[in-house]
Protein backbone atom coordinates (compact mmCIF):
# COMPACT_ATOMS: atom_id res chain seq x y z
CA UNK A 1 7.33 -14.79 -6.03
CA UNK A 2 6.36 -11.13 -6.50
CA UNK A 3 8.72 -10.11 -3.70
CA UNK A 4 11.55 -12.03 -5.39
CA UNK A 5 10.89 -10.35 -8.74
CA UNK A 6 10.76 -6.90 -7.12
CA UNK A 7 14.02 -7.59 -5.27
CA UNK A 8 15.55 -8.40 -8.65
CA UNK A 9 14.33 -5.08 -10.07
CA UNK A 10 15.85 -3.19 -7.15
CA UNK A 11 19.20 -4.92 -7.50
CA UNK A 12 19.22 -4.27 -11.24
CA UNK A 13 18.38 -0.55 -11.01
CA UNK A 14 20.77 0.02 -8.11
CA UNK A 15 23.56 -1.34 -10.30
CA UNK A 16 22.59 0.28 -13.61
CA UNK A 17 21.94 3.66 -11.94
CA UNK A 18 25.60 3.91 -11.07
CA UNK A 19 27.07 2.68 -14.35
CA UNK A 20 24.52 3.81 -16.95
CA UNK A 21 22.25 6.48 -15.42
CA UNK A 22 20.60 7.50 -18.71
CA UNK A 23 19.63 3.93 -19.51
CA UNK A 24 18.38 3.38 -15.96
CA UNK A 25 16.20 6.50 -16.20
CA UNK A 26 14.81 5.58 -19.62
CA UNK A 27 13.94 2.04 -18.56
CA UNK A 28 12.39 3.22 -15.29
CA UNK A 29 10.19 5.68 -17.20
CA UNK A 30 8.94 2.93 -19.50
CA UNK A 31 8.28 0.66 -16.53
CA UNK A 32 6.36 3.40 -14.71
CA UNK A 33 4.14 4.52 -17.57
CA UNK A 34 3.35 1.16 -19.20
CA UNK A 35 -0.24 0.30 -18.28
CA UNK A 36 -1.00 -3.18 -17.00
CA UNK A 37 -4.68 -3.76 -17.59
CA UNK A 38 -6.38 -5.73 -14.81
CA UNK A 39 -7.34 -9.32 -15.52
CA UNK A 40 -10.81 -8.76 -14.10
CA UNK A 41 -13.83 -11.08 -14.24
CA UNK A 42 -16.60 -10.31 -16.77
CA UNK A 43 -18.00 -6.83 -16.21
CA UNK A 44 -20.74 -6.43 -13.64
CA UNK A 45 -21.72 -3.19 -15.34
CA UNK A 46 -24.39 -3.11 -18.05
CA UNK A 47 -23.08 -2.49 -21.55
CA UNK A 48 -22.96 1.26 -22.15
CA UNK A 49 -25.54 2.20 -24.82
CA UNK A 50 -23.34 5.08 -25.96
CA UNK A 51 -19.55 5.28 -26.25
CA UNK A 52 -17.49 8.22 -27.44
CA UNK A 53 -13.80 8.66 -28.22
CA UNK A 54 -12.42 11.88 -26.74
CA UNK A 55 -9.93 12.50 -29.52
CA UNK A 56 -7.58 15.00 -27.91
CA UNK A 57 -6.85 12.83 -24.85
CA UNK A 58 -7.41 9.45 -26.55
CA UNK A 59 -9.84 8.57 -23.75
CA UNK A 60 -13.03 6.56 -24.10
CA UNK A 61 -16.24 7.90 -22.56
CA UNK A 62 -19.08 5.48 -21.78
CA UNK A 63 -22.57 6.85 -21.11
CA UNK A 64 -25.50 5.32 -19.25
CA UNK A 65 -28.63 7.49 -19.39
CA UNK A 66 -30.61 8.00 -16.19
CA UNK A 67 -34.18 9.15 -15.62
CA UNK A 68 -33.30 12.55 -14.19
CA UNK A 69 -31.26 15.60 -15.10
CA UNK A 70 -28.55 14.66 -12.59
CA UNK A 71 -25.13 13.76 -14.01
CA UNK A 72 -22.16 11.91 -12.55
CA UNK A 73 -18.62 11.46 -13.83
CA UNK A 74 -16.50 8.42 -12.89
CA UNK A 75 -12.78 8.09 -13.59
CA UNK A 76 -10.72 5.16 -12.37
CA UNK A 77 -7.07 5.07 -11.39
CA UNK A 78 -3.83 3.83 -12.93
CA UNK A 79 -4.11 0.23 -14.16
CA UNK A 80 -7.77 0.44 -13.17
CA UNK A 81 -11.12 -0.15 -14.82
CA UNK A 82 -14.66 1.19 -14.53
CA UNK A 83 -15.84 -2.21 -13.25
CA UNK A 84 -14.14 -1.30 -9.96
CA UNK A 85 -16.94 1.25 -9.46
CA UNK A 86 -19.74 -1.36 -9.62
CA UNK A 87 -21.14 -0.65 -6.15
CA UNK A 88 -20.88 3.12 -6.64
CA UNK A 89 -22.39 2.75 -10.12
CA UNK A 90 -25.38 0.89 -8.68
CA UNK A 91 -25.92 3.60 -6.05
CA UNK A 92 -25.89 6.28 -8.75
CA UNK A 93 -28.36 4.29 -10.88
CA UNK A 94 -30.71 3.97 -7.90
CA UNK A 95 -30.67 7.77 -7.72
CA UNK A 96 -31.36 8.00 -11.49
CA UNK A 97 -28.13 9.78 -12.43
CA UNK A 98 -26.88 9.78 -16.00
CA UNK A 99 -23.41 8.29 -15.61
CA UNK A 100 -20.36 9.20 -17.67
CA UNK A 101 -17.40 6.85 -17.22
CA UNK A 102 -13.89 7.67 -18.44
CA UNK A 103 -11.29 5.13 -19.52
CA UNK A 104 -8.15 7.31 -19.95
CA UNK A 105 -5.59 6.55 -22.64
CA UNK A 106 -4.15 2.99 -22.54
CA UNK A 107 -7.01 1.79 -20.32
CA UNK A 108 -10.23 -0.02 -21.16
CA UNK A 109 -10.68 -0.48 -24.93
CA UNK A 110 -7.67 1.70 -25.79
CA UNK A 111 -4.99 0.17 -28.02
CA UNK A 112 -2.27 2.32 -26.49
CA UNK A 113 0.07 0.72 -23.98
CA UNK A 114 1.50 3.80 -22.26
CA UNK A 115 -0.11 6.75 -20.50
CA UNK A 116 0.68 9.37 -17.84
CA UNK A 117 -1.09 11.77 -15.43
CA UNK A 118 -1.36 14.45 -18.11
CA UNK A 119 -3.66 12.23 -20.16
CA UNK A 120 -5.91 11.70 -17.13
CA UNK A 121 -6.12 15.46 -16.58
CA UNK A 122 -6.78 16.09 -20.27
CA UNK A 123 -9.50 13.41 -20.34
CA UNK A 124 -11.37 15.04 -17.44
CA UNK A 125 -11.11 18.48 -19.05
CA UNK A 126 -12.22 17.17 -22.44
CA UNK A 127 -15.20 15.33 -20.94
CA UNK A 128 -16.31 18.54 -19.23
CA UNK A 129 -16.01 20.54 -22.45
CA UNK A 130 -17.88 17.83 -24.36
CA UNK A 131 -20.78 17.86 -21.87
CA UNK A 132 -20.96 21.64 -22.01
CA UNK A 133 -21.78 22.06 -18.34
CA UNK A 134 -20.51 20.90 -14.98
CA UNK A 135 -21.40 17.47 -13.62
CA UNK A 136 -23.49 17.24 -10.47
CA UNK A 137 -20.92 14.88 -8.96
CA UNK A 138 -17.48 13.72 -10.09
CA UNK A 139 -15.95 10.66 -8.44
CA UNK A 140 -12.37 9.55 -9.00
CA UNK A 141 -10.08 6.88 -7.63
CA UNK A 142 -6.31 7.15 -7.16
CA UNK A 143 -4.77 8.86 -10.22
CA UNK A 144 -8.29 9.59 -11.49
CA UNK A 145 -9.03 11.36 -8.22
CA UNK A 146 -5.79 13.29 -8.50
CA UNK A 147 -6.73 14.38 -12.02
CA UNK A 148 -10.08 15.70 -10.75
CA UNK A 149 -8.26 17.62 -8.03
CA UNK A 150 -5.88 19.19 -10.56
CA UNK A 151 -8.64 20.18 -12.98
CA UNK A 152 -10.86 21.64 -10.24
CA UNK A 153 -8.62 24.69 -9.87
CA UNK A 154 -9.25 25.92 -13.42
CA UNK A 155 -12.46 24.19 -14.57
CA UNK A 156 -15.80 24.14 -12.78
CA UNK A 157 -15.86 20.39 -13.37
CA UNK A 158 -18.64 19.48 -10.92
CA UNK A 159 -20.86 20.77 -8.14
CA UNK A 160 -19.12 18.36 -5.76
CA UNK A 161 -16.14 15.99 -5.86
CA UNK A 162 -15.43 12.63 -4.26
CA UNK A 163 -11.70 11.85 -4.29
CA UNK A 164 -10.96 8.27 -3.22
CA UNK A 165 -7.39 7.17 -2.37
CA UNK A 166 -6.06 10.29 -4.08
CA UNK A 167 -2.38 11.26 -4.14
CA UNK A 168 -1.62 14.75 -2.89
CA UNK A 169 1.30 15.20 -5.26
CA UNK A 170 2.29 13.36 -8.42
CA UNK A 171 5.87 14.45 -7.74
CA UNK A 172 5.71 12.46 -4.51
CA UNK A 173 4.37 9.47 -6.45
CA UNK A 174 7.31 9.69 -8.85
CA UNK A 175 9.79 10.06 -5.99
CA UNK A 176 8.34 7.05 -4.16
CA UNK A 177 8.61 5.00 -7.34
CA UNK A 178 12.24 6.03 -7.87
CA UNK A 179 13.11 5.15 -4.28
CA UNK A 180 11.30 1.81 -4.53
CA UNK A 181 13.41 0.93 -7.58
CA UNK A 182 16.60 2.05 -5.81
CA UNK A 183 17.40 4.66 -8.45
CA UNK A 184 20.39 6.56 -7.17
CA UNK A 185 23.10 9.02 -8.09
CA UNK A 186 22.69 10.86 -11.40
CA UNK A 187 19.88 8.51 -12.46
CA UNK A 188 17.39 9.95 -9.97
CA UNK A 189 17.39 13.61 -11.15
CA UNK A 190 17.56 12.35 -14.75
CA UNK A 191 14.45 10.29 -14.11
CA UNK A 192 12.55 13.30 -12.75
CA UNK A 193 13.64 15.33 -15.78
CA UNK A 194 12.63 12.57 -18.21
CA UNK A 195 9.22 12.26 -16.54
CA UNK A 196 8.57 16.00 -16.88
CA UNK A 197 9.55 15.90 -20.56
CA UNK A 198 7.39 12.86 -21.26
CA UNK A 199 4.32 14.18 -19.45
CA UNK A 200 4.76 17.62 -20.99
CA UNK A 201 3.87 19.38 -17.74
CA UNK A 202 6.01 20.78 -14.97
CA UNK A 203 5.55 19.12 -11.60
CA UNK A 204 3.93 22.31 -10.29
CA UNK A 205 0.98 21.51 -12.60
CA UNK A 206 0.68 18.11 -10.90
CA UNK A 207 0.68 19.21 -7.27
CA UNK A 208 -2.84 18.08 -6.45
CA UNK A 209 -3.01 19.59 -2.97
CA UNK A 210 -2.00 23.05 -4.19
CA UNK A 211 -4.46 22.99 -7.08
CA UNK A 212 -7.33 21.58 -5.02
CA UNK A 213 -6.59 24.30 -2.48
CA UNK A 214 -7.54 26.90 -5.10
CA UNK A 215 -10.87 25.22 -5.82
CA UNK A 216 -14.20 26.23 -4.31
CA UNK A 217 -15.86 22.89 -5.12
CA UNK A 218 -17.00 20.93 -2.02
CA UNK A 219 -14.88 17.79 -1.85
CA UNK A 220 -15.07 14.52 0.07
CA UNK A 221 -11.69 12.85 0.64
CA UNK A 222 -12.05 9.10 1.21
CA UNK A 223 -8.93 7.19 2.24
CA UNK A 224 -7.93 4.05 4.12
CA UNK A 225 -5.76 4.97 7.10
CA UNK A 226 -3.45 2.03 6.28
CA UNK A 227 -3.32 2.47 2.49
CA UNK A 228 0.00 0.98 1.35
CA UNK A 229 0.01 2.48 -2.16
CA UNK A 230 -0.93 6.08 -1.41
CA UNK A 231 -0.36 6.90 2.27
CA UNK A 232 -3.12 8.41 4.41
CA UNK A 233 -0.87 11.41 4.96
CA UNK A 234 -1.72 12.41 1.37
CA UNK A 235 -5.40 12.66 2.31
CA UNK A 236 -4.53 14.82 5.32
CA UNK A 237 -2.40 17.04 3.08
CA UNK A 238 -5.34 17.51 0.69
CA UNK A 239 -7.68 18.17 3.61
CA UNK A 240 -5.39 20.80 5.11
CA UNK A 241 -5.14 22.57 1.74
CA UNK A 242 -8.86 23.04 1.12
CA UNK A 243 -11.41 24.69 3.41
CA UNK A 244 -14.23 23.05 1.41
CA UNK A 245 -12.91 19.52 1.96
CA UNK A 246 -14.33 16.84 4.25
CA UNK A 247 -12.19 13.87 5.30
CA UNK A 248 -13.63 10.36 5.55
CA UNK A 249 -11.01 7.99 7.04
CA UNK A 250 -11.74 4.29 6.53
CA UNK A 251 -10.17 1.13 7.95
CA UNK A 252 -9.40 -2.32 6.55
CA UNK A 253 -10.41 -1.43 3.00
CA UNK A 254 -7.04 -1.01 1.29
CA UNK A 255 -6.27 1.15 -1.72
CA UNK A 256 -8.61 -0.39 -4.31
CA UNK A 257 -11.06 -2.63 -2.42
CA UNK A 258 -12.32 0.54 -0.76
CA UNK A 259 -14.38 1.11 -3.93
CA UNK A 260 -16.45 -1.99 -3.27
CA UNK A 261 -16.73 -1.68 0.49
CA UNK A 262 -20.40 -1.39 1.46
CA UNK A 263 -19.78 0.79 4.52
CA UNK A 264 -17.55 3.17 2.55
CA UNK A 265 -20.05 3.54 -0.29
CA UNK A 266 -22.87 4.12 2.19
CA UNK A 267 -20.90 6.92 3.86
CA UNK A 268 -20.02 8.44 0.47
CA UNK A 269 -23.66 8.65 -0.56
CA UNK A 270 -24.77 10.14 2.73
CA UNK A 271 -22.49 13.02 1.84
CA UNK A 272 -23.45 13.01 -1.87
CA UNK A 273 -27.18 13.10 -1.05
CA UNK A 274 -26.64 15.91 1.44
CA UNK A 275 -24.75 17.94 -1.18
CA UNK A 276 -27.49 17.31 -3.76
CA UNK A 277 -30.18 18.45 -1.31
CA UNK A 278 -28.20 21.57 -0.49
CA UNK A 279 -27.80 22.37 -4.19
CA UNK A 280 -31.54 21.96 -4.78
CA UNK A 281 -32.28 24.22 -1.81
CA UNK A 282 -29.90 26.88 -3.15
CA UNK A 283 -31.59 26.78 -6.56
CA UNK A 284 -35.05 27.02 -5.01
């Protein structure tokens, strides 16, 4: 059924692109940036004792206090939810981290229905400013990971980063979306222009691999080699751009289920624990 619906979208946009390119671009933009919240089961996460609205980015920040001075930031991806981090959350709690979880605009409890990458980037920046210091570890998935990569070039957001299923370029994401919808002719450049205007940032400010390449923060890149939503080539592009990056290829986990894969999470925390030990040794 989903394939039939998508085929209908492609036929529609292929036709409208030719006859009414401005309308095709406008409708494609709304389709792209309208958030579809997941119909997930009841949360496996404990209720956050403290919740804060980050007013500038319209993001919601949930806080779970730990029994140490260590801090961790979590930010999910597009159409995602913090409950997707349950296994990672549990591993952080075992290590007594205080956990800060971001629901960007139009996600989680937000009443907004539309968002874009700029709001994810702004949410990460605002959370860092609110905390007043860098996090010990920042972990992001998909667009959330891309936002961390973008921010890392200008803000000392964390002592180490874990970027899971991250795009290397939001421009590439937009181009893949346009191609998937069969936008053609004048509609395609119009769509790119409309996206830039809506996001309020030039695409150069959304080139994750270039921005991560300017960062000195140690980064772990976790990606399924057969990811169908964000290709593994994006992870390799990020890896090639940053001398401080480590690549962790995974198999049979997919784009989102990778977050709950026991083997993946175990490998992530081997690296996280090693980074934490190194930081403690440097301080000593």
